């Protein structure tokens, strides 16, 4: 599942999603709690919030970090590339006796 988080308000996130044709949820982190929890640095001597994309695998491990304040659209491409590189979840080992019990 893909979820975006932004420090801006809900209305600006809806506009952003529409402009870029995004089909996933973007959550408004107006109090910057998520940003602080992930340690996203401020930019331009602390005048602007930073823009960082993290890609986590299903176990919660961070597999990609992309930091680019100036180009919001590039974050989409970076996230798509990181997601494409994720290995599919391992399938459970098959039971060699399953065929016997399914008769």
C-alpha atoms as a PDB file:
ATOM      1  CA  UNK A   1       0.000   0.000   0.000  1.00  0.00           C
ATOM      2  CA  UNK A   2       1.254   3.496  -0.802  1.00  0.00           C
ATOM      3  CA  UNK A   3       0.561   6.431   1.511  1.00  0.00           C
ATOM      4  CA  UNK A   4       1.902   9.937   1.222  1.00  0.00           C
ATOM      5  CA  UNK A   5       2.363  12.268   4.200  1.00  0.00           C
ATOM      6  CA  UNK A   6       2.641  16.025   3.974  1.00  0.00           C
ATOM      7  CA  UNK A   7       2.824  18.897   6.411  1.00  0.00           C
ATOM      8  CA  UNK A   8       0.436  20.948   4.321  1.00  0.00           C
ATOM      9  CA  UNK A   9      -3.316  21.066   4.772  1.00  0.00           C
ATOM     10  CA  UNK A  10      -5.801  18.602   3.287  1.00  0.00           C
ATOM     11  CA  UNK A  11      -6.998  20.938   0.525  1.00  0.00           C
ATOM     12  CA  UNK A  12      -3.503  21.531  -0.833  1.00  0.00           C
ATOM     13  CA  UNK A  13      -2.823  17.773  -0.805  1.00  0.00           C
ATOM     14  CA  UNK A  14      -5.996  17.087  -2.792  1.00  0.00           C
ATOM     15  CA  UNK A  15      -4.956  19.673  -5.388  1.00  0.00           C
ATOM     16  CA  UNK A  16      -1.424  18.231  -5.539  1.00  0.00           C
ATOM     17  CA  UNK A  17      -2.778  14.689  -6.017  1.00  0.00           C
ATOM     18  CA  UNK A  18      -5.129  15.829  -8.785  1.00  0.00           C
ATOM     19  CA  UNK A  19      -2.392  17.765 -10.620  1.00  0.00           C
ATOM     20  CA  UNK A  20      -0.027  14.770 -10.608  1.00  0.00           C
ATOM     21  CA  UNK A  21      -2.698  12.110 -11.131  1.00  0.00           C
ATOM     22  CA  UNK A  22      -1.872  10.296  -7.898  1.00  0.00           C
ATOM     23  CA  UNK A  23      -4.091   7.376  -6.970  1.00  0.00           C
ATOM     24  CA  UNK A  24      -3.049   6.888  -3.344  1.00  0.00           C
ATOM     25  CA  UNK A  25      -3.894   8.590  -0.067  1.00  0.00           C
ATOM     26  CA  UNK A  26      -1.930  11.603   1.099  1.00  0.00           C
ATOM     27  CA  UNK A  27      -2.261  12.271   4.807  1.00  0.00           C
ATOM     28  CA  UNK A  28      -1.986  15.795   6.213  1.00  0.00           C
ATOM     29  CA  UNK A  29       0.621  15.977   8.984  1.00  0.00           C
ATOM     30  CA  UNK A  30      -0.134  19.576   9.915  1.00  0.00           C
ATOM     31  CA  UNK A  31       1.498  19.225  13.358  1.00  0.00           C
ATOM     32  CA  UNK A  32       4.626  17.654  11.810  1.00  0.00           C
ATOM     33  CA  UNK A  33       4.445  14.632  14.147  1.00  0.00           C
ATOM     34  CA  UNK A  34       5.251  12.138  11.378  1.00  0.00           C
ATOM     35  CA  UNK A  35       7.959  14.382   9.935  1.00  0.00           C
ATOM     36  CA  UNK A  36       9.604  14.610  13.368  1.00  0.00           C
ATOM     37  CA  UNK A  37       9.285  10.853  13.975  1.00  0.00           C
ATOM     38  CA  UNK A  38      11.126  10.153  10.700  1.00  0.00           C
ATOM     39  CA  UNK A  39      13.698  12.877  11.328  1.00  0.00           C
ATOM     40  CA  UNK A  40      12.963  14.815   8.144  1.00  0.00           C
ATOM     41  CA  UNK A  41      15.344  17.791   8.176  1.00  0.00           C
ATOM     42  CA  UNK A  42      14.227  21.325   7.495  1.00  0.00           C
ATOM     43  CA  UNK A  43      15.608  22.979   4.367  1.00  0.00           C
ATOM     44  CA  UNK A  44      17.028  26.413   3.558  1.00  0.00           C
ATOM     45  CA  UNK A  45      18.358  27.158   7.047  1.00  0.00           C
ATOM     46  CA  UNK A  46      15.159  25.860   8.661  1.00  0.00           C
ATOM     47  CA  UNK A  47      12.843  28.138   6.706  1.00  0.00           C
ATOM     48  CA  UNK A  48      11.116  25.346   4.750  1.00  0.00           C
ATOM     49  CA  UNK A  49      10.047  21.843   5.643  1.00  0.00           C
ATOM     50  CA  UNK A  50      12.158  19.196   3.955  1.00  0.00           C
ATOM     51  CA  UNK A  51      10.777  16.822   1.349  1.00  0.00           C
ATOM     52  CA  UNK A  52      11.866  13.210   1.762  1.00  0.00           C
ATOM     53  CA  UNK A  53      10.376  10.006   0.380  1.00  0.00           C
ATOM     54  CA  UNK A  54      10.839   6.795   2.317  1.00  0.00           C
ATOM     55  CA  UNK A  55       9.911   3.394   0.900  1.00  0.00           C
ATOM     56  CA  UNK A  56       9.310   0.695   3.483  1.00  0.00           C
ATOM     57  CA  UNK A  57       8.923  -2.969   2.736  1.00  0.00           C
ATOM     58  CA  UNK A  58       6.135  -5.084   4.227  1.00  0.00           C
ATOM     59  CA  UNK A  59       8.216  -5.808   7.326  1.00  0.00           C
ATOM     60  CA  UNK A  60       8.656  -2.056   7.943  1.00  0.00           C
ATOM     61  CA  UNK A  61      12.306  -1.913   6.896  1.00  0.00           C
ATOM     62  CA  UNK A  62      13.292   1.256   5.054  1.00  0.00           C
ATOM     63  CA  UNK A  63      14.613   0.212   1.642  1.00  0.00           C
ATOM     64  CA  UNK A  64      14.884   3.617  -0.031  1.00  0.00           C
ATOM     65  CA  UNK A  65      15.315   7.274   0.955  1.00  0.00           C
ATOM     66  CA  UNK A  66      14.965  10.055  -1.607  1.00  0.00           C
ATOM     67  CA  UNK A  67      15.571  13.705  -0.639  1.00  0.00           C
ATOM     68  CA  UNK A  68      14.857  16.456  -3.160  1.00  0.00           C
ATOM     69  CA  UNK A  69      13.142  19.647  -2.011  1.00  0.00           C
ATOM     70  CA  UNK A  70      12.958  21.310  -5.415  1.00  0.00           C
ATOM     71  CA  UNK A  71      11.163  18.678  -7.503  1.00  0.00           C
ATOM     72  CA  UNK A  72       8.047  17.119  -5.980  1.00  0.00           C
ATOM     73  CA  UNK A  73       7.252  15.109  -9.112  1.00  0.00           C
ATOM     74  CA  UNK A  74      10.649  13.391  -9.006  1.00  0.00           C
ATOM     75  CA  UNK A  75       9.634  11.783  -5.713  1.00  0.00           C
ATOM     76  CA  UNK A  76       6.924   9.847  -7.529  1.00  0.00           C
ATOM     77  CA  UNK A  77       9.432   8.417 -10.001  1.00  0.00           C
ATOM     78  CA  UNK A  78      11.903   7.583  -7.220  1.00  0.00           C
ATOM     79  CA  UNK A  79       9.209   5.808  -5.191  1.00  0.00           C
ATOM     80  CA  UNK A  80       7.995   3.841  -8.227  1.00  0.00           C
ATOM     81  CA  UNK A  81      11.547   2.708  -8.968  1.00  0.00           C
ATOM     82  CA  UNK A  82      12.103   1.623  -5.369  1.00  0.00           C
ATOM     83  CA  UNK A  83       8.786  -0.235  -5.286  1.00  0.00           C
ATOM     84  CA  UNK A  84       9.609  -2.018  -8.540  1.00  0.00           C
ATOM     85  CA  UNK A  85      12.893  -3.218  -7.047  1.00  0.00           C
ATOM     86  CA  UNK A  86      11.243  -4.725  -3.971  1.00  0.00           C
ATOM     87  CA  UNK A  87      11.261  -8.480  -4.023  1.00  0.00           C
ATOM     88  CA  UNK A  88       7.807 -10.033  -3.838  1.00  0.00           C
ATOM     89  CA  UNK A  89       6.923 -11.442  -0.443  1.00  0.00           C
ATOM     90  CA  UNK A  90       8.251 -14.942  -0.029  1.00  0.00           C
ATOM     91  CA  UNK A  91       5.628 -17.603  -0.592  1.00  0.00           C
ATOM     92  CA  UNK A  92       5.223 -20.056   2.240  1.00  0.00           C
ATOM     93  CA  UNK A  93       7.028 -23.326   1.676  1.00  0.00           C
ATOM     94  CA  UNK A  94       4.693 -25.900   0.212  1.00  0.00           C
ATOM     95  CA  UNK A  95       3.867 -28.950   2.238  1.00  0.00           C
ATOM     96  CA  UNK A  96       5.098 -32.051   0.400  1.00  0.00           C
ATOM     97  CA  UNK A  97       2.282 -34.055   2.008  1.00  0.00           C
ATOM     98  CA  UNK A  98      -0.478 -31.675   0.898  1.00  0.00           C
ATOM     99  CA  UNK A  99      -1.226 -33.730  -2.241  1.00  0.00           C
ATOM    100  CA  UNK A 100      -1.901 -36.822  -0.136  1.00  0.00           C
ATOM    101  CA  UNK A 101      -4.405 -35.028   2.127  1.00  0.00           C
ATOM    102  CA  UNK A 102      -6.238 -33.232  -0.687  1.00  0.00           C
ATOM    103  CA  UNK A 103      -7.501 -36.479  -2.255  1.00  0.00           C
END
